[in-house]
Amino acid sequence: MKFKQGIIYRKIKGKTPVILFMLSLMFWSFAYGVAVQKFRLFPYKIILNAEKVASKTRNILTGKLPWYYRNTNRIEPVIVHRPNAFCEGLTLVSGLTNEGNNEVKVITREGEALHRWRIDWFDGFWPDPSHIPKEDIPQARPATNIHGIALLKNGDLLFNLDELGLARVDLCGNVVWRLPYRTHHALDVDETGNIWVAGQKRISVRSPDRPNYRPPFEEHTVLKVTPDGEIAREISIPDVLIKNKLQGLLYMSGKDNWSTEVSGDTLHLNDVEIFPSYLPSGVFESGDVMISLRNIHAIMVFNPDTLKIKYLSVGKVVRQHDPDFVDGERISIFDNNNVAPESQGPHSRIVVVSATNDQVQVMYSRSDERPFYTDIMGKH
């Protein structure tokens, strides 16, 4: 028995360098893997993009629905007709067809569609989408959702293909122009015909102007676009915050005790609106720009010429959408309010905030008879 043990010992001893090499290789591979994740070293971007492509491919193969679809057992449309709850005149709405394409239509109070525009990304709608990161180029219908629409006086339609671009088509659906910029959410046509819209740019490298912003991250912008589709102005939202000495708002998503480093969609700009001349002025004046930053629960109004913030509300609502000017002193807000106590049940609210005394007035919320809640999105 001792003789056999000696043979085994000598065999192991002869392979000790190989075993140590393999163990060290495993250790350093593990250590580098941790460093790749923590410090975004090579091949972090390759792995990240591969995961995104694999996830999209898996969703297509398994039939997993995009987030804006909901599963249902219904096979027939459900029609609810309440004419008295409908606005006078015609209404412009967007949605998805049974074929999976985006559609915008004009409907009457009786629900009759007077006109339709069908937007199919995969029918050559955008021949060269080089402004979109490769991993975000659509692979299956409906490509994205239409988020932000406006009907012009001559019958042309403006719309955002969310995070893919802004487009203008005529009454027959022919493309008038496309803006190769990742626009999204709402758009607002001012009294001079210029279009104000939210935009974003994917930043993939470190920037000295954005300290402790770890790429990739989204640089949120407000665009002023001419009726002909040219960018007349590009305003960086981080620049607005920094100019007003509010740079702390850029790092609110940080969770590390020892670092303010942040990444990704830190602000989530979801609305842009211009104060019109026909409303009585006050704190707000004609031409002022209002924006909503969902991820930091903030709404602000600033002068687009000086970038000076005239009003800022942080934390009075939760992950809000669609603030609207009421007059020169007040703003109405769709408050998603998705942290309501369980005892109260989930409920969103419509509130009005005063810029003069910061008071919040609840105009509408849920009742036992009328549930009212949306955790994301929503307009009023």
Protein backbone atom coordinates (compact mmCIF):
# COMPACT_ATOMS: atom_id res chain seq x y z
CA MET A 1 0.00 0.00 0.00
CA LYS A 2 2.85 2.38 0.84
CA PHE A 3 4.49 1.58 -2.50
CA LYS A 4 1.29 2.48 -4.40
CA GLN A 5 0.92 5.70 -2.42
CA GLY A 6 4.49 6.61 -3.30
CA ILE A 7 3.79 6.13 -7.02
CA ILE A 8 0.68 8.30 -6.78
CA TYR A 9 2.62 10.96 -4.89
CA ARG A 10 5.38 11.02 -7.50
CA LYS A 11 2.80 11.28 -10.31
CA ILE A 12 1.09 14.23 -8.61
CA LYS A 13 4.41 15.85 -7.75
CA GLY A 14 5.46 15.66 -11.37
CA LYS A 15 2.32 17.50 -12.44
CA THR A 16 2.44 20.19 -9.74
CA PRO A 17 3.61 22.98 -12.09
CA VAL A 18 0.78 22.17 -14.51
CA ILE A 19 -1.81 22.14 -11.71
CA LEU A 20 -0.52 25.43 -10.30
CA PHE A 21 -0.57 26.98 -13.78
CA MET A 22 -4.17 25.88 -14.32
CA LEU A 23 -5.22 27.19 -10.90
CA SER A 24 -3.52 30.55 -11.50
CA LEU A 25 -5.12 30.73 -14.94
CA MET A 26 -8.53 30.14 -13.40
CA PHE A 27 -7.85 32.75 -10.70
CA TRP A 28 -6.72 35.47 -13.10
CA SER A 29 -9.54 34.67 -15.53
CA PHE A 30 -12.02 35.12 -12.70
CA ALA A 31 -10.28 38.32 -11.52
CA TYR A 32 -10.29 39.79 -15.04
CA GLY A 33 -13.93 38.85 -15.45
CA VAL A 34 -14.76 40.82 -12.30
CA ALA A 35 -12.68 43.75 -13.59
CA VAL A 36 -14.46 43.63 -16.98
CA GLN A 37 -17.81 43.98 -15.21
CA LYS A 38 -16.72 46.65 -12.72
CA PHE A 39 -14.50 48.82 -14.92
CA ARG A 40 -16.09 48.11 -18.35
CA LEU A 41 -12.85 46.73 -19.78
CA PHE A 42 -12.49 44.86 -23.09
CA PRO A 43 -14.55 42.89 -24.15
CA TYR A 44 -17.37 44.42 -22.06
CA LYS A 45 -19.06 46.23 -24.98
CA ILE A 46 -18.88 43.14 -27.20
CA ILE A 47 -20.47 40.99 -24.49
CA LEU A 48 -23.13 43.64 -23.77
CA ASN A 49 -24.10 43.98 -27.43
CA ALA A 50 -24.11 40.21 -27.86
CA GLU A 51 -26.47 39.87 -24.90
CA LYS A 52 -28.84 42.48 -26.39
CA VAL A 53 -28.87 40.77 -29.79
CA ALA A 54 -29.35 37.35 -28.18
CA SER A 55 -32.21 38.70 -26.06
CA LYS A 56 -33.95 40.22 -29.10
CA THR A 57 -33.47 37.02 -31.09
CA ARG A 58 -34.83 34.92 -28.22
CA ASN A 59 -37.87 37.20 -27.91
CA ILE A 60 -38.57 36.86 -31.65
CA LEU A 61 -38.20 33.06 -31.62
CA THR A 62 -40.29 32.57 -28.47
CA GLY A 63 -42.91 35.11 -29.49
CA LYS A 64 -42.31 37.30 -26.42
CA LEU A 65 -44.18 40.57 -26.83
CA PRO A 66 -42.65 44.07 -26.69
CA TRP A 67 -43.47 45.99 -23.51
CA TYR A 68 -46.25 48.01 -25.17
CA TYR A 69 -48.26 44.87 -25.97
CA ARG A 70 -50.47 43.08 -23.47
CA ASN A 71 -51.62 39.47 -23.67
CA THR A 72 -55.36 38.96 -23.84
CA ASN A 73 -57.80 36.12 -24.40
CA ARG A 74 -60.14 38.38 -26.36
CA ILE A 75 -60.37 37.77 -30.10
CA GLU A 76 -62.94 40.47 -30.91
CA PRO A 77 -62.63 44.24 -30.42
CA VAL A 78 -64.35 45.66 -27.34
CA ILE A 79 -66.13 48.93 -28.05
CA VAL A 80 -67.08 51.38 -25.31
CA HIS A 81 -69.11 54.28 -26.67
CA ARG A 82 -69.66 57.27 -24.36
CA PRO A 83 -70.21 60.29 -26.65
CA ASN A 84 -70.77 62.68 -23.75
CA ALA A 85 -67.29 61.93 -22.41
CA PHE A 86 -65.73 62.75 -25.79
CA CYS A 87 -64.44 66.16 -26.84
CA GLU A 88 -66.31 68.12 -29.49
CA GLY A 89 -64.94 67.85 -33.02
CA LEU A 90 -62.41 65.34 -34.32
CA THR A 91 -59.73 63.49 -32.37
CA LEU A 92 -56.26 62.34 -33.46
CA VAL A 93 -55.12 59.01 -31.99
CA SER A 94 -52.26 56.58 -32.56
CA GLY A 95 -52.08 52.84 -31.97
CA LEU A 96 -51.14 49.46 -33.44
CA THR A 97 -52.94 47.48 -36.13
CA ASN A 98 -53.64 43.75 -36.03
CA GLU A 99 -50.80 43.31 -38.51
CA GLY A 100 -48.37 44.89 -36.07
CA ASN A 101 -47.90 48.25 -37.79
CA ASN A 102 -48.17 51.71 -36.29
CA GLU A 103 -51.29 53.64 -37.25
CA VAL A 104 -52.55 57.18 -36.73
CA LYS A 105 -56.15 58.06 -37.45
CA VAL A 106 -58.65 60.88 -37.17
CA ILE A 107 -61.93 59.76 -35.59
CA THR A 108 -65.32 61.33 -34.95
CA ARG A 109 -67.25 61.31 -31.68
CA GLU A 110 -69.07 58.24 -33.01
CA GLY A 111 -65.79 56.37 -33.46
CA GLU A 112 -65.75 56.54 -37.26
CA ALA A 113 -62.26 56.78 -38.77
CA LEU A 114 -62.19 59.62 -41.30
CA HIS A 115 -58.57 59.17 -42.27
CA ARG A 116 -55.67 56.81 -41.54
CA TRP A 117 -51.91 56.83 -41.85
CA ARG A 118 -50.17 53.46 -41.58
CA ILE A 119 -46.47 53.60 -40.77
CA ASP A 120 -44.45 50.47 -41.56
CA TRP A 121 -40.76 50.72 -40.63
CA PHE A 122 -40.02 47.52 -42.56
CA ASP A 123 -41.49 48.84 -45.80
CA GLY A 124 -38.45 51.01 -46.43
CA PHE A 125 -39.74 53.84 -44.26
CA TRP A 126 -36.20 54.72 -43.10
CA PRO A 127 -33.72 53.46 -45.71
CA ASP A 128 -30.53 54.45 -43.85
CA PRO A 129 -30.97 54.47 -40.05
CA SER A 130 -27.26 55.06 -39.41
CA HIS A 131 -28.07 57.43 -36.55
CA ILE A 132 -29.38 54.52 -34.47
CA PRO A 133 -26.95 52.30 -32.51
CA LYS A 134 -26.72 48.95 -34.29
CA GLU A 135 -28.03 47.03 -31.30
CA ASP A 136 -31.19 49.22 -31.27
CA ILE A 137 -32.14 48.91 -34.95
CA PRO A 138 -35.57 47.20 -35.06
CA GLN A 139 -35.66 43.51 -35.92
CA ALA A 140 -39.40 42.82 -35.84
CA ARG A 141 -42.72 44.63 -36.16
CA PRO A 142 -43.93 47.05 -35.00
CA ALA A 143 -40.33 48.34 -34.63
CA THR A 144 -41.41 50.83 -31.94
CA ASN A 145 -44.46 52.82 -30.93
CA ILE A 146 -45.53 56.27 -32.08
CA HIS A 147 -45.03 58.58 -29.12
CA GLY A 148 -45.81 62.20 -29.89
CA ILE A 149 -48.07 63.26 -32.78
CA ALA A 150 -49.34 66.53 -34.25
CA LEU A 151 -51.58 67.35 -37.21
CA LEU A 152 -50.54 70.45 -39.16
CA LYS A 153 -52.93 72.91 -40.80
CA ASN A 154 -52.27 71.58 -44.31
CA GLY A 155 -53.04 68.00 -43.27
CA ASP A 156 -49.44 66.85 -42.86
CA LEU A 157 -48.70 64.58 -39.91
CA LEU A 158 -45.73 64.94 -37.53
CA PHE A 159 -44.77 62.06 -35.29
CA ASN A 160 -42.01 60.45 -33.27
CA LEU A 161 -41.12 56.86 -33.95
CA ASP A 162 -40.03 56.51 -30.36
CA GLU A 163 -36.22 56.65 -30.05
CA LEU A 164 -35.85 56.11 -33.81
CA GLY A 165 -36.57 59.54 -35.28
CA LEU A 166 -38.96 62.37 -36.10
CA ALA A 167 -40.86 62.35 -39.41
CA ARG A 168 -43.34 64.42 -41.40
CA VAL A 169 -45.67 62.79 -43.93
CA ASP A 170 -48.36 64.32 -46.13
CA LEU A 171 -52.05 63.48 -46.20
CA CYS A 172 -51.38 60.45 -48.43
CA GLY A 173 -48.57 59.13 -46.24
CA ASN A 174 -45.71 60.23 -48.50
CA VAL A 175 -42.59 61.18 -46.58
CA VAL A 176 -41.93 64.95 -46.61
CA TRP A 177 -38.79 64.68 -44.46
CA ARG A 178 -37.15 62.57 -41.78
CA LEU A 179 -34.93 63.82 -38.97
CA PRO A 180 -32.12 61.32 -38.21
CA TYR A 181 -32.04 61.94 -34.46
CA ARG A 182 -33.30 59.67 -31.69
CA THR A 183 -36.36 61.73 -30.78
CA HIS A 184 -38.96 60.38 -28.41
CA HIS A 185 -42.00 61.03 -26.25
CA ALA A 186 -43.98 64.24 -26.81
CA LEU A 187 -43.57 66.99 -29.35
CA ASP A 188 -44.93 70.54 -29.34
CA VAL A 189 -45.52 72.82 -32.34
CA ASP A 190 -45.13 76.46 -31.30
CA GLU A 191 -46.97 79.46 -32.71
CA THR A 192 -44.32 80.08 -35.37
CA GLY A 193 -44.55 76.52 -36.69
CA ASN A 194 -41.28 75.32 -35.14
CA ILE A 195 -41.30 71.90 -33.52
CA TRP A 196 -39.91 71.30 -30.01
CA VAL A 197 -39.11 67.69 -29.24
CA ALA A 198 -37.15 65.54 -26.79
CA GLY A 199 -34.04 63.82 -28.09
CA GLN A 200 -31.23 61.65 -26.82
CA LYS A 201 -27.73 60.59 -27.86
CA ARG A 202 -25.97 57.40 -26.77
CA ILE A 203 -22.57 58.34 -25.35
CA SER A 204 -20.13 55.41 -25.49
CA VAL A 205 -16.89 57.01 -24.29
CA ARG A 206 -15.88 58.92 -21.18
CA SER A 207 -16.47 62.66 -21.41
CA PRO A 208 -14.59 65.31 -19.37
CA ASP A 209 -17.80 67.40 -19.45
CA ARG A 210 -19.70 64.62 -17.68
CA PRO A 211 -17.53 63.59 -14.72
CA ASN A 212 -18.50 60.30 -13.11
CA TYR A 213 -20.83 59.46 -15.98
CA ARG A 214 -19.90 55.92 -16.94
CA PRO A 215 -20.58 55.02 -20.58
CA PRO A 216 -22.83 54.01 -22.09
CA PHE A 217 -25.21 56.76 -20.97
CA GLU A 218 -27.92 58.88 -22.58
CA GLU A 219 -27.34 62.59 -23.16
CA HIS A 220 -30.81 64.17 -23.08
CA THR A 221 -31.50 67.14 -25.32
CA VAL A 222 -34.29 69.49 -26.37
CA LEU A 223 -34.46 70.17 -30.10
CA LYS A 224 -36.01 73.10 -31.91
CA VAL A 225 -36.78 71.86 -35.43
CA THR A 226 -37.92 74.04 -38.34
CA PRO A 227 -41.05 73.15 -40.35
CA ASP A 228 -38.63 71.93 -43.05
CA GLY A 229 -37.03 69.40 -40.72
CA GLU A 230 -33.78 71.23 -39.93
CA ILE A 231 -32.40 71.46 -36.39
CA ALA A 232 -32.40 75.14 -35.43
CA ARG A 233 -31.34 74.62 -31.81
CA GLU A 234 -30.02 71.78 -29.64
CA ILE A 235 -30.10 72.28 -25.87
CA SER A 236 -28.33 69.82 -23.58
CA ILE A 237 -30.33 69.21 -20.39
CA PRO A 238 -27.20 68.42 -18.31
CA ASP A 239 -25.77 71.75 -19.48
CA VAL A 240 -28.93 73.52 -18.27
CA LEU A 241 -28.60 71.89 -14.83
CA ILE A 242 -24.90 72.70 -14.57
CA LYS A 243 -25.39 76.31 -15.67
CA ASN A 244 -27.98 76.72 -12.90
CA LYS A 245 -25.65 75.08 -10.30
CA LEU A 246 -27.91 72.03 -10.01
CA GLN A 247 -25.34 69.42 -11.02
CA GLY A 248 -26.32 67.30 -8.01
CA LEU A 249 -29.50 66.35 -9.90
CA LEU A 250 -27.31 64.55 -12.45
CA TYR A 251 -26.21 61.98 -9.88
CA MET A 252 -29.44 61.10 -8.09
CA SER A 253 -29.42 57.55 -9.46
CA GLY A 254 -26.07 56.76 -7.79
CA LYS A 255 -26.18 54.17 -4.97
CA ASP A 256 -22.52 53.64 -4.07
CA ASN A 257 -21.44 55.11 -0.72
CA TRP A 258 -17.99 55.89 -2.10
CA SER A 259 -18.78 57.11 -5.61
CA THR A 260 -21.28 59.30 -7.44
CA GLU A 261 -20.73 57.33 -10.66
CA VAL A 262 -23.92 56.84 -12.68
CA SER A 263 -24.79 55.37 -16.06
CA GLY A 264 -27.62 54.72 -18.51
CA ASP A 265 -30.85 56.75 -18.54
CA THR A 266 -30.23 58.95 -15.50
CA LEU A 267 -32.85 61.65 -16.15
CA HIS A 268 -35.43 60.26 -18.62
CA LEU A 269 -36.71 63.39 -20.35
CA ASN A 270 -40.34 62.71 -21.25
CA ASP A 271 -41.96 66.02 -22.21
CA VAL A 272 -41.17 69.37 -23.81
CA GLU A 273 -43.68 72.23 -24.04
CA ILE A 274 -43.50 75.93 -24.95
CA PHE A 275 -45.44 78.63 -23.09
CA PRO A 276 -47.78 80.25 -25.68
CA SER A 277 -48.46 83.96 -26.04
CA TYR A 278 -52.23 83.51 -25.70
CA LEU A 279 -52.00 82.45 -22.04
CA PRO A 280 -51.74 85.18 -19.38
CA SER A 281 -48.09 85.54 -18.35
CA GLY A 282 -46.68 85.60 -14.83
CA VAL A 283 -43.74 83.56 -13.58
CA PHE A 284 -43.85 82.01 -17.05
CA GLU A 285 -43.67 84.08 -20.22
CA SER A 286 -44.10 83.50 -23.95
CA GLY A 287 -41.39 81.21 -25.31
CA ASP A 288 -40.38 79.63 -21.99
CA VAL A 289 -39.58 75.91 -22.21
CA MET A 290 -41.00 73.37 -19.76
CA ILE A 291 -39.50 69.88 -19.45
CA SER A 292 -40.27 66.81 -17.37
CA LEU A 293 -37.46 64.59 -16.02
CA ARG A 294 -39.19 61.42 -14.89
CA ASN A 295 -36.32 59.58 -13.20
CA ILE A 296 -35.59 62.43 -10.80
CA HIS A 297 -39.28 63.37 -10.29
CA ALA A 298 -38.59 66.89 -11.53
CA ILE A 299 -40.32 69.53 -13.65
CA MET A 300 -38.60 72.75 -14.66
CA VAL A 301 -39.27 75.84 -16.77
CA PHE A 302 -36.38 77.76 -18.28
CA ASN A 303 -35.66 80.61 -20.67
CA PRO A 304 -34.27 79.04 -23.88
CA ASP A 305 -32.09 82.09 -24.64
CA THR A 306 -30.33 82.38 -21.28
CA LEU A 307 -30.97 78.78 -20.04
CA LYS A 308 -31.90 80.30 -16.67
CA ILE A 309 -34.35 78.10 -14.75
CA LYS A 310 -37.40 80.14 -13.70
CA TYR A 311 -39.17 77.36 -11.80
CA LEU A 312 -38.13 73.96 -10.47
CA SER A 313 -40.26 71.34 -8.74
CA VAL A 314 -38.56 68.20 -7.42
CA GLY A 315 -40.29 65.41 -5.54
CA LYS A 316 -43.86 66.74 -5.38
CA VAL A 317 -44.98 64.01 -7.80
CA VAL A 318 -43.66 60.53 -8.58
CA ARG A 319 -42.38 59.57 -12.07
CA GLN A 320 -44.69 62.11 -13.67
CA HIS A 321 -45.67 62.63 -17.32
CA ASP A 322 -47.14 65.35 -19.52
CA PRO A 323 -46.98 68.61 -17.53
CA ASP A 324 -49.09 71.33 -19.18
CA PHE A 325 -49.17 75.09 -18.67
CA VAL A 326 -52.46 76.26 -17.14
CA ASP A 327 -51.45 79.92 -17.06
CA GLY A 328 -48.42 82.02 -16.13
CA GLU A 329 -48.46 80.75 -12.55
CA ARG A 330 -49.68 77.13 -12.64
CA ILE A 331 -48.83 73.75 -14.18
CA SER A 332 -51.06 70.69 -14.37
CA ILE A 333 -49.29 67.32 -14.16
CA PHE A 334 -50.11 63.67 -14.80
CA ASP A 335 -48.71 62.21 -11.56
CA ASN A 336 -48.17 58.48 -12.09
CA ASN A 337 -47.77 58.15 -8.31
CA ASN A 338 -46.62 54.53 -8.54
CA VAL A 339 -45.54 54.31 -4.91
CA ALA A 340 -48.99 54.75 -3.36
CA PRO A 341 -49.44 52.82 -0.06
CA GLU A 342 -50.87 49.34 -0.56
CA SER A 343 -53.74 50.16 1.77
CA GLN A 344 -54.90 52.88 -0.62
CA GLY A 345 -54.54 50.77 -3.75
CA PRO A 346 -52.60 51.90 -6.81
CA HIS A 347 -53.80 55.26 -8.09
CA SER A 348 -52.50 57.99 -10.34
CA ARG A 349 -53.48 61.64 -9.98
CA ILE A 350 -53.95 64.84 -11.94
CA VAL A 351 -52.51 67.68 -9.88
CA VAL A 352 -51.96 71.41 -10.32
CA VAL A 353 -48.79 72.95 -8.89
CA SER A 354 -48.45 76.67 -8.20
CA ALA A 355 -45.16 78.31 -9.14
CA THR A 356 -45.79 81.17 -6.72
CA ASN A 357 -46.40 79.23 -3.48
CA ASP A 358 -45.49 75.62 -4.45
CA GLN A 359 -48.87 74.33 -3.30
CA VAL A 360 -50.16 71.11 -4.89
CA GLN A 361 -53.87 70.75 -5.60
CA VAL A 362 -55.27 67.32 -6.49
CA MET A 363 -57.77 67.75 -9.32
CA TYR A 364 -58.57 64.08 -10.01
CA SER A 365 -57.72 60.68 -8.60
CA ARG A 366 -59.23 57.22 -8.29
CA SER A 367 -62.46 56.31 -6.57
CA ASP A 368 -64.06 52.96 -5.80
CA GLU A 369 -66.31 53.44 -8.83
CA ARG A 370 -63.58 54.67 -11.18
CA PRO A 371 -60.11 53.15 -10.92
CA PHE A 372 -57.40 55.41 -12.30
CA TYR A 373 -53.82 54.18 -12.52
CA THR A 374 -50.93 53.83 -14.91
CA ASP A 375 -47.47 52.90 -13.65
CA ILE A 376 -45.71 54.30 -16.74
CA MET A 377 -46.62 56.75 -19.51
CA GLY A 378 -49.98 58.54 -19.50
CA LYS A 379 -51.28 61.91 -20.71
CA HIS A 380 -54.08 64.23 -19.69
